[in-house]
Amino acid sequence: MTSAAHPFSVVARGLRFPEGPVAMADGSVVLTEMFGGCLTRVHPDGTTSKVADIDGGANGLAVGPDGAFYLCNNGNAFTPVENGDLLYPGPFDPDRYIGGRIQRVDPVTGEVRDLYTRGEHVELRAPNDIVFDAAGGFWFTDHGIRHGRVSDRTGIWYATIDGTRIDEMIFPVDSPNGIGLSPDGSRLYWAETSTGRIWERDLAAPGAPDPGSGPRVLCGLPGHQLLDSLAVDGDGNVCVATLVNGCITVVSPSGDIVAQHPTGDRITTNICFGGPDHSTAYVTASSTGTLLAMRWPGKGLRLHWQ
């Protein structure tokens, strides 16, 4: 495993717990501000503009086949806690909670519409991260809520943008967070925050786990390292934002930890790839409110519908 000195440059500052970065064709990055109550566009020169106001906790974000943004809203599952210049997610406050939901956001008008608030048998608790497949459907994680001595058992969901299908496909899962697909779409990956594990599941078709094989642990990080959101690069590596250690951990398709890229922020939450050849990694360093960038040492990967 390699671990370099801080390799990132700062693209933007002053963000209120940024998450869910999406690299756009014009060179900007659209991201969520979980404690700012909005979607924000970070322009190439570092200036920012508001895309939409969001009621609740804006978390993971992706572009769908219709060009709209699809948002995981955790419903205010966390309370903002400020410590000097740093901002952290604090305990669950039931008085602030509005319920988890998947939302569609119009990129031009900023109109926000609830797409799903529940499945057939259960309400969404705190949707966290999202990824689209080539068929135009999307996988997302429901991180759940931890409150006092109680912790949700949640799952991995698949849904379509027309509002007709939402299915919990994998259950139970412990604090699922980041989610991604292998470059050929044959394998699904997700990260569990509290266990520090990356899991994988073979897919038989879009939205359909292979019935002949179950979930497998791809990698478990040693020590006290917690996992947040992730992206898969062009070499098939799972690149996962790593809490406490404050880095991007790169895990090969065979499960080896091949690199850790430190960010200088213990609450490093997400990563995406952009730029003309998708070889720039954009990373949200959330407690310091910054968007970071680095030249990725391997191949980047263009997401479906990006």
C-alpha atoms as a PDB file:
ATOM      1  CA  MET A   1       0.000   0.000   0.000  1.00  0.00           C
ATOM      2  CA  THR A   2       1.194   3.501  -0.778  1.00  0.00           C
ATOM      3  CA  SER A   3       0.384   6.633   1.196  1.00  0.00           C
ATOM      4  CA  ALA A   4       1.546   9.965  -0.149  1.00  0.00           C
ATOM      5  CA  ALA A   5       1.758  13.434   1.336  1.00  0.00           C
ATOM      6  CA  HIS A   6      -1.362  15.588   1.049  1.00  0.00           C
ATOM      7  CA  PRO A   7      -1.893  15.525  -2.766  1.00  0.00           C
ATOM      8  CA  PHE A   8      -4.963  17.755  -3.043  1.00  0.00           C
ATOM      9  CA  SER A   9      -5.511  21.376  -4.013  1.00  0.00           C
ATOM     10  CA  VAL A  10      -8.451  23.427  -2.736  1.00  0.00           C
ATOM     11  CA  VAL A  11     -11.126  24.252  -5.317  1.00  0.00           C
ATOM     12  CA  ALA A  12     -13.645  25.978  -3.007  1.00  0.00           C
ATOM     13  CA  ARG A  13     -14.046  26.912   0.654  1.00  0.00           C
ATOM     14  CA  GLY A  14     -16.883  28.027   2.911  1.00  0.00           C
ATOM     15  CA  LEU A  15     -19.244  25.141   2.161  1.00  0.00           C
ATOM     16  CA  ARG A  16     -21.626  23.910   4.876  1.00  0.00           C
ATOM     17  CA  PHE A  17     -20.711  20.220   5.085  1.00  0.00           C
ATOM     18  CA  PRO A  18     -20.367  19.409   1.361  1.00  0.00           C
ATOM     19  CA  GLU A  19     -21.300  15.962   0.073  1.00  0.00           C
ATOM     20  CA  GLY A  20     -22.491  14.251  -3.128  1.00  0.00           C
ATOM     21  CA  PRO A  21     -20.147  15.861  -5.713  1.00  0.00           C
ATOM     22  CA  VAL A  22     -21.134  15.491  -9.379  1.00  0.00           C
ATOM     23  CA  ALA A  23     -18.651  16.626 -12.052  1.00  0.00           C
ATOM     24  CA  MET A  24     -20.423  18.413 -14.906  1.00  0.00           C
ATOM     25  CA  ALA A  25     -19.499  18.726 -18.574  1.00  0.00           C
ATOM     26  CA  ASP A  26     -18.862  22.481 -18.274  1.00  0.00           C
ATOM     27  CA  GLY A  27     -16.112  21.925 -15.703  1.00  0.00           C
ATOM     28  CA  SER A  28     -18.228  22.818 -12.692  1.00  0.00           C
ATOM     29  CA  VAL A  29     -19.017  20.494  -9.786  1.00  0.00           C
ATOM     30  CA  VAL A  30     -22.520  20.369  -8.320  1.00  0.00           C
ATOM     31  CA  LEU A  31     -22.651  19.187  -4.729  1.00  0.00           C
ATOM     32  CA  THR A  32     -24.929  19.098  -1.735  1.00  0.00           C
ATOM     33  CA  GLU A  33     -24.495  21.192   1.391  1.00  0.00           C
ATOM     34  CA  MET A  34     -26.045  19.022   4.066  1.00  0.00           C
ATOM     35  CA  PHE A  35     -26.097  21.774   6.679  1.00  0.00           C
ATOM     36  CA  GLY A  36     -26.525  24.584   4.153  1.00  0.00           C
ATOM     37  CA  GLY A  37     -29.896  23.327   2.942  1.00  0.00           C
ATOM     38  CA  CYS A  38     -29.063  23.538  -0.739  1.00  0.00           C
ATOM     39  CA  LEU A  39     -27.475  22.194  -3.891  1.00  0.00           C
ATOM     40  CA  THR A  40     -24.499  24.301  -4.912  1.00  0.00           C
ATOM     41  CA  ARG A  41     -22.585  24.656  -8.164  1.00  0.00           C
ATOM     42  CA  VAL A  42     -18.846  25.180  -7.732  1.00  0.00           C
ATOM     43  CA  HIS A  43     -17.525  26.884 -10.861  1.00  0.00           C
ATOM     44  CA  PRO A  44     -14.013  26.176 -12.215  1.00  0.00           C
ATOM     45  CA  ASP A  45     -12.728  29.434 -10.697  1.00  0.00           C
ATOM     46  CA  GLY A  46     -13.939  28.405  -7.227  1.00  0.00           C
ATOM     47  CA  THR A  47     -16.949  30.712  -7.072  1.00  0.00           C
ATOM     48  CA  THR A  48     -20.293  29.206  -6.136  1.00  0.00           C
ATOM     49  CA  SER A  49     -23.940  29.620  -7.084  1.00  0.00           C
ATOM     50  CA  LYS A  50     -27.114  28.026  -5.722  1.00  0.00           C
ATOM     51  CA  VAL A  51     -28.889  25.386  -7.802  1.00  0.00           C
ATOM     52  CA  ALA A  52     -31.786  24.626  -5.450  1.00  0.00           C
ATOM     53  CA  ASP A  53     -32.962  24.985  -1.867  1.00  0.00           C
ATOM     54  CA  ILE A  54     -33.378  21.672  -0.049  1.00  0.00           C
ATOM     55  CA  ASP A  55     -35.532  21.066   3.013  1.00  0.00           C
ATOM     56  CA  GLY A  56     -33.926  18.301   5.067  1.00  0.00           C
ATOM     57  CA  GLY A  57     -30.479  16.757   4.855  1.00  0.00           C
ATOM     58  CA  ALA A  58     -29.113  16.784   1.297  1.00  0.00           C
ATOM     59  CA  ASN A  59     -26.720  13.850   0.941  1.00  0.00           C
ATOM     60  CA  GLY A  60     -25.824  11.757  -2.149  1.00  0.00           C
ATOM     61  CA  LEU A  61     -26.492  13.163  -5.638  1.00  0.00           C
ATOM     62  CA  ALA A  62     -26.425  11.818  -9.202  1.00  0.00           C
ATOM     63  CA  VAL A  63     -27.490  12.832 -12.705  1.00  0.00           C
ATOM     64  CA  GLY A  64     -30.238  10.688 -14.214  1.00  0.00           C
ATOM     65  CA  PRO A  65     -30.976   9.778 -17.844  1.00  0.00           C
ATOM     66  CA  ASP A  66     -33.335  12.770 -18.172  1.00  0.00           C
ATOM     67  CA  GLY A  67     -30.594  15.208 -17.133  1.00  0.00           C
ATOM     68  CA  ALA A  68     -32.186  15.950 -13.754  1.00  0.00           C
ATOM     69  CA  PHE A  69     -30.455  15.545 -10.404  1.00  0.00           C
ATOM     70  CA  TYR A  70     -31.579  12.744  -8.127  1.00  0.00           C
ATOM     71  CA  LEU A  71     -30.990  13.367  -4.455  1.00  0.00           C
ATOM     72  CA  CYS A  72     -30.747  11.212  -1.360  1.00  0.00           C
ATOM     73  CA  ASN A  73     -32.337  13.313   1.399  1.00  0.00           C
ATOM     74  CA  ASN A  74     -31.659  11.932   4.875  1.00  0.00           C
ATOM     75  CA  GLY A  75     -34.483  14.000   6.370  1.00  0.00           C
ATOM     76  CA  ASN A  76     -32.242  15.794   8.902  1.00  0.00           C
ATOM     77  CA  ALA A  77     -30.859  12.570  10.357  1.00  0.00           C
ATOM     78  CA  PHE A  78     -27.956  14.577  11.800  1.00  0.00           C
ATOM     79  CA  THR A  79     -27.702  17.790  13.813  1.00  0.00           C
ATOM     80  CA  PRO A  80     -24.958  20.281  12.901  1.00  0.00           C
ATOM     81  CA  VAL A  81     -22.320  20.753  15.590  1.00  0.00           C
ATOM     82  CA  GLU A  82     -19.786  23.567  15.227  1.00  0.00           C
ATOM     83  CA  ASN A  83     -16.381  23.472  16.901  1.00  0.00           C
ATOM     84  CA  GLY A  84     -14.415  26.561  16.001  1.00  0.00           C
ATOM     85  CA  ASP A  85     -13.969  26.507  12.232  1.00  0.00           C
ATOM     86  CA  LEU A  86     -15.038  22.857  11.969  1.00  0.00           C
ATOM     87  CA  LEU A  87     -18.517  21.460  11.375  1.00  0.00           C
ATOM     88  CA  TYR A  88     -19.550  17.946  12.360  1.00  0.00           C
ATOM     89  CA  PRO A  89     -22.707  15.795  12.134  1.00  0.00           C
ATOM     90  CA  GLY A  90     -24.178  15.526  15.623  1.00  0.00           C
ATOM     91  CA  PRO A  91     -26.837  13.319  17.238  1.00  0.00           C
ATOM     92  CA  PHE A  92     -30.256  12.622  15.789  1.00  0.00           C
ATOM     93  CA  ASP A  93     -32.900  15.133  16.878  1.00  0.00           C
ATOM     94  CA  PRO A  94     -36.436  13.753  16.393  1.00  0.00           C
ATOM     95  CA  ASP A  95     -37.878  17.277  16.432  1.00  0.00           C
ATOM     96  CA  ARG A  96     -35.892  18.188  13.298  1.00  0.00           C
ATOM     97  CA  TYR A  97     -36.483  14.946  11.410  1.00  0.00           C
ATOM     98  CA  ILE A  98     -38.841  15.162   8.403  1.00  0.00           C
ATOM     99  CA  GLY A  99     -38.407  11.630   7.032  1.00  0.00           C
ATOM    100  CA  GLY A 100     -36.031  10.217   4.457  1.00  0.00           C
ATOM    101  CA  ARG A 101     -36.787  10.568   0.742  1.00  0.00           C
ATOM    102  CA  ILE A 102     -35.487  10.354  -2.798  1.00  0.00           C
ATOM    103  CA  GLN A 103     -36.026  13.626  -4.660  1.00  0.00           C
ATOM    104  CA  ARG A 104     -35.814  14.869  -8.242  1.00  0.00           C
ATOM    105  CA  VAL A 105     -34.264  18.314  -8.704  1.00  0.00           C
ATOM    106  CA  ASP A 106     -34.672  20.261 -11.932  1.00  0.00           C
ATOM    107  CA  PRO A 107     -31.201  21.622 -12.808  1.00  0.00           C
ATOM    108  CA  VAL A 108     -32.609  24.698 -14.555  1.00  0.00           C
ATOM    109  CA  THR A 109     -35.519  25.825 -12.373  1.00  0.00           C
ATOM    110  CA  GLY A 110     -34.380  24.343  -9.054  1.00  0.00           C
ATOM    111  CA  GLU A 111     -37.782  22.688  -8.570  1.00  0.00           C
ATOM    112  CA  VAL A 112     -37.593  19.877  -5.994  1.00  0.00           C
ATOM    113  CA  ARG A 113     -40.081  17.011  -6.098  1.00  0.00           C
ATOM    114  CA  ASP A 114     -40.381  13.985  -3.837  1.00  0.00           C
ATOM    115  CA  LEU A 115     -40.040  10.821  -5.901  1.00  0.00           C
ATOM    116  CA  TYR A 116     -40.092   8.182  -3.141  1.00  0.00           C
ATOM    117  CA  THR A 117     -40.597   8.337   0.617  1.00  0.00           C
ATOM    118  CA  ARG A 118     -41.201   4.616   1.206  1.00  0.00           C
ATOM    119  CA  GLY A 119     -41.086   1.168  -0.293  1.00  0.00           C
ATOM    120  CA  GLU A 120     -43.923  -1.325  -0.261  1.00  0.00           C
ATOM    121  CA  HIS A 121     -43.559  -2.253   3.395  1.00  0.00           C
ATOM    122  CA  VAL A 122     -41.276   0.302   5.017  1.00  0.00           C
ATOM    123  CA  GLU A 123     -40.583   4.021   5.017  1.00  0.00           C
ATOM    124  CA  LEU A 124     -37.207   5.340   3.945  1.00  0.00           C
ATOM    125  CA  ARG A 125     -35.178   6.413   6.959  1.00  0.00           C
ATOM    126  CA  ALA A 126     -32.020   8.232   5.835  1.00  0.00           C
ATOM    127  CA  PRO A 127     -31.072   7.677   2.167  1.00  0.00           C
ATOM    128  CA  ASN A 128     -27.385   8.357   1.725  1.00  0.00           C
ATOM    129  CA  ASP A 129     -25.683   7.596  -1.600  1.00  0.00           C
ATOM    130  CA  ILE A 130     -26.854   6.843  -5.144  1.00  0.00           C
ATOM    131  CA  VAL A 131     -25.548   5.463  -8.443  1.00  0.00           C
ATOM    132  CA  PHE A 132     -27.255   5.017 -11.833  1.00  0.00           C
ATOM    133  CA  ASP A 133     -26.787   2.002 -14.094  1.00  0.00           C
ATOM    134  CA  ALA A 134     -26.752   1.814 -17.885  1.00  0.00           C
ATOM    135  CA  ALA A 135     -30.459   0.918 -17.959  1.00  0.00           C
ATOM    136  CA  GLY A 136     -31.393   4.209 -16.289  1.00  0.00           C
ATOM    137  CA  GLY A 137     -32.366   2.804 -12.907  1.00  0.00           C
ATOM    138  CA  PHE A 138     -30.543   3.628  -9.701  1.00  0.00           C
ATOM    139  CA  TRP A 139     -29.207   1.893  -6.625  1.00  0.00           C
ATOM    140  CA  PHE A 140     -29.160   3.729  -3.309  1.00  0.00           C
ATOM    141  CA  THR A 141     -28.303   3.081   0.301  1.00  0.00           C
ATOM    142  CA  ASP A 142     -30.484   3.802   3.296  1.00  0.00           C
ATOM    143  CA  HIS A 143     -28.018   4.525   6.075  1.00  0.00           C
ATOM    144  CA  GLY A 144     -30.691   4.499   8.760  1.00  0.00           C
ATOM    145  CA  ILE A 145     -30.722   6.404  12.022  1.00  0.00           C
ATOM    146  CA  ARG A 146     -28.798   5.839  15.248  1.00  0.00           C
ATOM    147  CA  HIS A 147     -30.491   7.353  18.247  1.00  0.00           C
ATOM    148  CA  GLY A 148     -29.351   6.708  21.803  1.00  0.00           C
ATOM    149  CA  ARG A 149     -29.272   2.924  22.205  1.00  0.00           C
ATOM    150  CA  VAL A 150     -31.294   2.256  19.050  1.00  0.00           C
ATOM    151  CA  SER A 151     -29.900   1.627  15.559  1.00  0.00           C
ATOM    152  CA  ASP A 152     -31.898   0.922  12.386  1.00  0.00           C
ATOM    153  CA  ARG A 153     -31.299  -2.160  10.302  1.00  0.00           C
ATOM    154  CA  THR A 154     -31.636  -1.000   6.729  1.00  0.00           C
ATOM    155  CA  GLY A 155     -30.823  -2.108   3.211  1.00  0.00           C
ATOM    156  CA  ILE A 156     -29.779  -1.524  -0.372  1.00  0.00           C
ATOM    157  CA  TRP A 157     -32.522  -0.344  -2.733  1.00  0.00           C
ATOM    158  CA  TYR A 158     -33.153  -0.201  -6.487  1.00  0.00           C
ATOM    159  CA  ALA A 159     -35.586   2.238  -8.100  1.00  0.00           C
ATOM    160  CA  THR A 160     -36.598   3.854 -11.378  1.00  0.00           C
ATOM    161  CA  ILE A 161     -37.066   7.539 -12.143  1.00  0.00           C
ATOM    162  CA  ASP A 162     -40.679   7.196 -13.318  1.00  0.00           C
ATOM    163  CA  GLY A 163     -41.891   6.540  -9.767  1.00  0.00           C
ATOM    164  CA  THR A 164     -43.192   3.025 -10.525  1.00  0.00           C
ATOM    165  CA  ARG A 165     -40.560   0.819  -8.908  1.00  0.00           C
ATOM    166  CA  ILE A 166     -38.720   0.929  -5.605  1.00  0.00           C
ATOM    167  CA  ASP A 167     -37.500  -2.348  -4.112  1.00  0.00           C
ATOM    168  CA  GLU A 168     -35.308  -3.176  -1.146  1.00  0.00           C
ATOM    169  CA  MET A 169     -32.988  -5.695  -2.811  1.00  0.00           C
ATOM    170  CA  ILE A 170     -30.476  -6.488  -0.058  1.00  0.00           C
ATOM    171  CA  PHE A 171     -31.365  -6.682   3.656  1.00  0.00           C
ATOM    172  CA  PRO A 172     -30.164  -6.410   6.379  1.00  0.00           C
ATOM    173  CA  VAL A 173     -27.144  -4.142   6.101  1.00  0.00           C
ATOM    174  CA  ASP A 174     -25.342  -2.293   8.901  1.00  0.00           C
ATOM    175  CA  SER A 175     -25.120   1.484   8.267  1.00  0.00           C
ATOM    176  CA  PRO A 176     -24.741   1.312   4.457  1.00  0.00           C
ATOM    177  CA  ASN A 177     -23.221   4.455   3.014  1.00  0.00           C
ATOM    178  CA  GLY A 178     -21.316   4.679  -0.288  1.00  0.00           C
ATOM    179  CA  ILE A 179     -22.480   2.698  -3.325  1.00  0.00           C
ATOM    180  CA  GLY A 180     -21.038   2.074  -6.787  1.00  0.00           C
ATOM    181  CA  LEU A 181     -20.926  -0.249  -9.778  1.00  0.00           C
ATOM    182  CA  SER A 182     -17.991  -1.980 -11.445  1.00  0.00           C
ATOM    183  CA  PRO A 183     -17.064  -0.481 -14.847  1.00  0.00           C
ATOM    184  CA  ASP A 184     -18.876  -3.281 -16.701  1.00  0.00           C
ATOM    185  CA  GLY A 185     -21.928  -3.057 -14.434  1.00  0.00           C
ATOM    186  CA  SER A 186     -21.722  -6.681 -13.331  1.00  0.00           C
ATOM    187  CA  ARG A 187     -20.940  -6.017  -9.672  1.00  0.00           C
ATOM    188  CA  LEU A 188     -22.390  -3.780  -6.994  1.00  0.00           C
ATOM    189  CA  TYR A 189     -20.260  -2.354  -4.181  1.00  0.00           C
ATOM    190  CA  TRP A 190     -21.298  -0.661  -0.959  1.00  0.00           C
ATOM    191  CA  ALA A 191     -19.511   0.569   2.158  1.00  0.00           C
ATOM    192  CA  GLU A 192     -20.653   0.155   5.739  1.00  0.00           C
ATOM    193  CA  THR A 193     -19.737   3.127   7.886  1.00  0.00           C
ATOM    194  CA  SER A 194     -19.615   1.569  11.338  1.00  0.00           C
ATOM    195  CA  THR A 195     -17.921  -1.731  10.422  1.00  0.00           C
ATOM    196  CA  GLY A 196     -15.305  -0.250   8.083  1.00  0.00           C
ATOM    197  CA  ARG A 197     -16.159  -2.893   5.474  1.00  0.00           C
ATOM    198  CA  ILE A 198     -16.686  -2.783   1.713  1.00  0.00           C
ATOM    199  CA  TRP A 199     -19.138  -5.373   0.410  1.00  0.00           C
ATOM    200  CA  GLU A 200     -19.785  -6.664  -3.110  1.00  0.00           C
ATOM    201  CA  ARG A 201     -22.629  -8.500  -4.848  1.00  0.00           C
ATOM    202  CA  ASP A 202     -22.749  -9.955  -8.351  1.00  0.00           C
ATOM    203  CA  LEU A 203     -25.601  -8.745 -10.562  1.00  0.00           C
ATOM    204  CA  ALA A 204     -27.513 -10.934 -13.007  1.00  0.00           C
ATOM    205  CA  ALA A 205     -29.106  -7.943 -14.763  1.00  0.00           C
ATOM    206  CA  PRO A 206     -29.760  -4.252 -14.043  1.00  0.00           C
ATOM    207  CA  GLY A 207     -31.484  -4.035 -10.672  1.00  0.00           C
ATOM    208  CA  ALA A 208     -31.213  -7.792 -10.110  1.00  0.00           C
ATOM    209  CA  PRO A 209     -28.684  -9.396  -7.744  1.00  0.00           C
ATOM    210  CA  ASP A 210     -27.409 -12.780  -8.909  1.00  0.00           C
ATOM    211  CA  PRO A 211     -29.515 -15.361  -7.026  1.00  0.00           C
ATOM    212  CA  GLY A 212     -26.660 -17.844  -7.187  1.00  0.00           C
ATOM    213  CA  SER A 213     -24.302 -15.787  -5.028  1.00  0.00           C
ATOM    214  CA  GLY A 214     -24.760 -13.682  -1.921  1.00  0.00           C
ATOM    215  CA  PRO A 215     -23.015 -10.603  -0.557  1.00  0.00           C
ATOM    216  CA  ARG A 216     -19.280 -10.929   0.092  1.00  0.00           C
ATOM    217  CA  VAL A 217     -16.847  -8.795   2.079  1.00  0.00           C
ATOM    218  CA  LEU A 218     -14.398  -7.295  -0.396  1.00  0.00           C
ATOM    219  CA  CYS A 219     -12.255  -5.590   2.245  1.00  0.00           C
ATOM    220  CA  GLY A 220     -12.290  -4.598   5.887  1.00  0.00           C
ATOM    221  CA  LEU A 221     -10.107  -1.700   6.972  1.00  0.00           C
ATOM    222  CA  PRO A 222      -7.905  -2.265  10.037  1.00  0.00           C
ATOM    223  CA  GLY A 223      -8.103  -0.195  13.192  1.00  0.00           C
ATOM    224  CA  HIS A 224     -10.583   2.615  13.768  1.00  0.00           C
ATOM    225  CA  GLN A 225     -11.341   3.653  10.186  1.00  0.00           C
ATOM    226  CA  LEU A 226     -14.948   4.352   9.243  1.00  0.00           C
ATOM    227  CA  LEU A 227     -16.286   4.500   5.700  1.00  0.00           C
ATOM    228  CA  ASP A 228     -18.395   7.066   3.900  1.00  0.00           C
ATOM    229  CA  SER A 229     -19.264   7.415   0.199  1.00  0.00           C
ATOM    230  CA  LEU A 230     -17.341   5.928  -2.707  1.00  0.00           C
ATOM    231  CA  ALA A 231     -16.646   5.917  -6.431  1.00  0.00           C
ATOM    232  CA  VAL A 232     -15.234   3.224  -8.707  1.00  0.00           C
ATOM    233  CA  ASP A 233     -12.389   4.264 -10.994  1.00  0.00           C
ATOM    234  CA  GLY A 234     -11.549   3.105 -14.518  1.00  0.00           C
ATOM    235  CA  ASP A 235      -9.274   0.352 -13.241  1.00  0.00           C
ATOM    236  CA  GLY A 236     -12.149  -1.108 -11.222  1.00  0.00           C
ATOM    237  CA  ASN A 237     -10.756   0.069  -7.896  1.00  0.00           C
ATOM    238  CA  VAL A 238     -13.193   1.028  -5.161  1.00  0.00           C
ATOM    239  CA  CYS A 239     -12.199   4.494  -3.946  1.00  0.00           C
ATOM    240  CA  VAL A 240     -13.861   5.112  -0.610  1.00  0.00           C
ATOM    241  CA  ALA A 241     -13.881   8.221   1.549  1.00  0.00           C
ATOM    242  CA  THR A 242     -12.461   7.220   4.911  1.00  0.00           C
ATOM    243  CA  LEU A 243     -13.455   8.916   8.146  1.00  0.00           C
ATOM    244  CA  VAL A 244     -11.211   9.430  11.193  1.00  0.00           C
ATOM    245  CA  ASN A 245      -8.136   8.648   9.067  1.00  0.00           C
ATOM    246  CA  GLY A 246      -9.144  11.458   6.699  1.00  0.00           C
ATOM    247  CA  CYS A 247      -8.289  10.025   3.312  1.00  0.00           C
ATOM    248  CA  ILE A 248      -9.441   8.281   0.155  1.00  0.00           C
ATOM    249  CA  THR A 249      -8.721   4.557   0.455  1.00  0.00           C
ATOM    250  CA  VAL A 250      -8.225   2.701  -2.826  1.00  0.00           C
ATOM    251  CA  VAL A 251      -9.177  -0.980  -2.815  1.00  0.00           C
ATOM    252  CA  SER A 252      -8.497  -3.228  -5.812  1.00  0.00           C
ATOM    253  CA  PRO A 253     -11.169  -5.541  -7.297  1.00  0.00           C
ATOM    254  CA  SER A 254      -9.378  -8.405  -5.523  1.00  0.00           C
ATOM    255  CA  GLY A 255      -9.731  -6.684  -2.150  1.00  0.00           C
ATOM    256  CA  ASP A 256      -6.208  -5.351  -1.604  1.00  0.00           C
ATOM    257  CA  ILE A 257      -5.703  -1.883  -0.116  1.00  0.00           C
ATOM    258  CA  VAL A 258      -3.395  -0.357  -2.719  1.00  0.00           C
ATOM    259  CA  ALA A 259      -3.258   3.289  -1.617  1.00  0.00           C
ATOM    260  CA  GLN A 260      -4.511   5.908   0.796  1.00  0.00           C
ATOM    261  CA  HIS A 261      -4.562   9.558  -0.271  1.00  0.00           C
ATOM    262  CA  PRO A 262      -4.746  11.866   2.791  1.00  0.00           C
ATOM    263  CA  THR A 263      -6.918  14.967   2.638  1.00  0.00           C
ATOM    264  CA  GLY A 264      -6.137  16.691   5.934  1.00  0.00           C
ATOM    265  CA  ASP A 265      -9.796  16.460   6.989  1.00  0.00           C
ATOM    266  CA  ARG A 266     -10.922  13.694   9.352  1.00  0.00           C
ATOM    267  CA  ILE A 267     -14.455  13.944   7.920  1.00  0.00           C
ATOM    268  CA  THR A 268     -13.677  13.146   4.273  1.00  0.00           C
ATOM    269  CA  THR A 269     -17.037  12.127   2.826  1.00  0.00           C
ATOM    270  CA  ASN A 270     -17.155  11.614  -0.941  1.00  0.00           C
ATOM    271  CA  ILE A 271     -15.338  11.443  -4.273  1.00  0.00           C
ATOM    272  CA  CYS A 272     -16.193  11.741  -7.955  1.00  0.00           C
ATOM    273  CA  PHE A 273     -14.224  11.882 -11.209  1.00  0.00           C
ATOM    274  CA  GLY A 274     -14.383  14.693 -13.748  1.00  0.00           C
ATOM    275  CA  GLY A 275     -12.402  16.818 -16.152  1.00  0.00           C
ATOM    276  CA  PRO A 276     -11.972  16.338 -19.913  1.00  0.00           C
ATOM    277  CA  ASP A 277     -10.607  12.779 -19.513  1.00  0.00           C
ATOM    278  CA  HIS A 278     -12.274  12.091 -16.128  1.00  0.00           C
ATOM    279  CA  SER A 279      -8.840  11.878 -14.518  1.00  0.00           C
ATOM    280  CA  THR A 280      -9.454  14.583 -11.904  1.00  0.00           C
ATOM    281  CA  ALA A 281     -10.703  13.337  -8.544  1.00  0.00           C
ATOM    282  CA  TYR A 282     -12.954  15.780  -6.683  1.00  0.00           C
ATOM    283  CA  VAL A 283     -13.292  15.121  -2.968  1.00  0.00           C
ATOM    284  CA  THR A 284     -15.544  16.667  -0.330  1.00  0.00           C
ATOM    285  CA  ALA A 285     -13.708  17.476   2.901  1.00  0.00           C
ATOM    286  CA  SER A 286     -16.751  18.171   4.963  1.00  0.00           C
ATOM    287  CA  SER A 287     -15.711  19.335   8.431  1.00  0.00           C
ATOM    288  CA  THR A 288     -13.508  22.040   6.876  1.00  0.00           C
ATOM    289  CA  GLY A 289     -16.153  22.892   4.248  1.00  0.00           C
ATOM    290  CA  THR A 290     -13.871  22.477   1.258  1.00  0.00           C
ATOM    291  CA  LEU A 291     -13.964  20.878  -2.182  1.00  0.00           C
ATOM    292  CA  LEU A 292     -10.590  19.373  -3.082  1.00  0.00           C
ATOM    293  CA  ALA A 293      -9.110  18.137  -6.358  1.00  0.00           C
ATOM    294  CA  MET A 294      -6.169  16.011  -7.465  1.00  0.00           C
ATOM    295  CA  ARG A 295      -4.900  14.386 -10.632  1.00  0.00           C
ATOM    296  CA  TRP A 296      -5.881  10.744 -10.205  1.00  0.00           C
ATOM    297  CA  PRO A 297      -2.875   8.409 -10.583  1.00  0.00           C
ATOM    298  CA  GLY A 298      -4.919   5.773 -12.444  1.00  0.00           C
ATOM    299  CA  LYS A 299      -7.856   5.863 -14.820  1.00  0.00           C
ATOM    300  CA  GLY A 300     -10.912   7.895 -13.968  1.00  0.00           C
ATOM    301  CA  LEU A 301     -14.391   6.732 -14.905  1.00  0.00           C
ATOM    302  CA  ARG A 302     -17.326   8.496 -16.519  1.00  0.00           C
ATOM    303  CA  LEU A 303     -20.572   7.593 -14.775  1.00  0.00           C
ATOM    304  CA  HIS A 304     -23.658   6.646 -16.738  1.00  0.00           C
ATOM    305  CA  TRP A 305     -25.619   9.790 -17.720  1.00  0.00           C
ATOM    306  CA  GLN A 306     -22.846  12.077 -16.387  1.00  0.00           C
END
